[in-house]
Structure formats: structure tokens, C-alpha cells
Amino acid sequence: MKSSDQFTSFIYEGVAFKVFSALGGFSDPLKTPVFRFFDAHSNTHFYTATDNERLVWEQIHPTWINEGIAWYA
């Protein structure tokens, strides 16, 4: 790592987890879908892999756009 890097306080710890593409419209029962929501007001995303959390998020944040499955974990 170069000393001029803006992220010099970060330490590479290796792979945290693997993701699998959601492109192609296939679903794999052995993988967990990760849903992505977008808030245009704050220009931010929220991700969840929990069905209950997804349903609650939709109810309490009706202005956030559910963009569907972002990837599989």
C-alpha cells in the first residue's frame, strides 16, 4: 500500500464473503437473496438479506424504492 493512499488506516483482512450475480433471473435455494433499496432524497442504499426486515423496511420507509435482489450470498 502506498503512503499516499487515502485509506491508509484500513487493513486488508481478506475475503469477508462471496456474492453471486442476480443477473439472469435464476434463484438458488442454497443461496440467500440480498435486497437493495434506494432513497433518492439522500442518494443512499440499504441492503438486507432478511425477509422480515425487508417487509418492515417497506412499511416504515414507503419512499424508498425496492430495487429487488442485488445479489445472492
Protein backbone atom coordinates (compact mmCIF):
# COMPACT_ATOMS: atom_id res chain seq x y z
CA MET A 1 0.00 0.00 0.00
CA LYS A 2 1.32 3.44 -0.92
CA SER A 3 1.64 6.01 1.82
CA SER A 4 -0.32 8.44 -0.37
CA ASP A 5 -3.36 6.15 -0.26
CA GLN A 6 -6.40 7.88 1.20
CA PHE A 7 -7.30 4.65 3.03
CA THR A 8 -4.03 4.06 4.89
CA SER A 9 -5.90 3.41 8.14
CA PHE A 10 -7.62 0.35 6.63
CA ILE A 11 -6.09 -3.12 6.87
CA TYR A 12 -6.86 -5.75 4.25
CA GLU A 13 -8.28 -8.78 6.07
CA GLY A 14 -9.09 -10.99 3.11
CA VAL A 15 -12.42 -12.11 1.69
CA ALA A 16 -15.35 -11.44 4.02
CA PHE A 17 -17.96 -13.33 1.99
CA LYS A 18 -18.78 -14.28 -1.58
CA VAL A 19 -21.60 -12.89 -3.67
CA PHE A 20 -23.30 -14.41 -6.69
CA SER A 21 -24.86 -12.44 -9.53
CA ALA A 22 -28.59 -11.83 -9.58
CA LEU A 23 -28.44 -11.35 -13.35
CA GLY A 24 -30.23 -13.93 -15.42
CA GLY A 25 -33.22 -14.17 -13.11
CA PHE A 26 -32.29 -17.52 -11.59
CA SER A 27 -32.72 -18.33 -7.94
CA ASP A 28 -30.77 -20.88 -5.99
CA PRO A 29 -32.44 -22.30 -2.86
CA LEU A 30 -29.00 -22.76 -1.30
CA LYS A 31 -28.18 -19.05 -1.58
CA THR A 32 -29.71 -16.09 0.24
CA PRO A 33 -31.11 -13.18 -1.78
CA VAL A 34 -29.88 -9.74 -0.73
CA PHE A 35 -32.39 -6.96 -1.47
CA ARG A 36 -31.40 -3.39 -2.29
CA PHE A 37 -33.44 -0.28 -1.50
CA PHE A 38 -32.69 3.23 -2.77
CA ASP A 39 -33.58 6.60 -1.25
CA ALA A 40 -33.48 9.34 -3.89
CA HIS A 41 -33.62 12.08 -1.24
CA SER A 42 -30.37 11.07 0.47
CA ASN A 43 -28.92 9.21 -2.55
CA THR A 44 -28.16 6.17 -0.38
CA HIS A 45 -28.80 2.44 -0.48
CA PHE A 46 -29.93 -0.01 2.18
CA TYR A 47 -29.33 -3.76 1.86
CA THR A 48 -30.98 -6.64 3.70
CA ALA A 49 -30.96 -10.41 3.42
CA THR A 50 -33.81 -10.86 5.89
CA ASP A 51 -37.37 -11.23 4.59
CA ASN A 52 -38.92 -9.78 7.74
CA GLU A 53 -36.58 -6.79 7.73
CA ARG A 54 -37.37 -6.21 4.03
CA LEU A 55 -41.11 -6.19 4.75
CA VAL A 56 -40.76 -3.88 7.76
CA TRP A 57 -38.45 -1.53 5.81
CA GLU A 58 -41.04 -1.24 3.03
CA GLN A 59 -43.73 -0.35 5.58
CA ILE A 60 -41.80 2.24 7.58
CA HIS A 61 -39.93 3.76 4.60
CA PRO A 62 -42.54 3.99 1.82
CA THR A 63 -40.48 6.49 -0.21
CA TRP A 64 -37.53 4.11 -0.54
CA ILE A 65 -37.51 2.20 -3.84
CA ASN A 66 -37.20 -1.57 -3.61
CA GLU A 67 -34.77 -2.34 -6.43
CA GLY A 68 -35.16 -6.08 -5.94
CA ILE A 69 -32.43 -8.66 -5.50
CA ALA A 70 -28.98 -7.12 -5.79
CA TRP A 71 -27.09 -10.40 -5.42
CA TYR A 72 -27.14 -13.78 -3.71
CA ALA A 73 -24.97 -14.58 -0.70
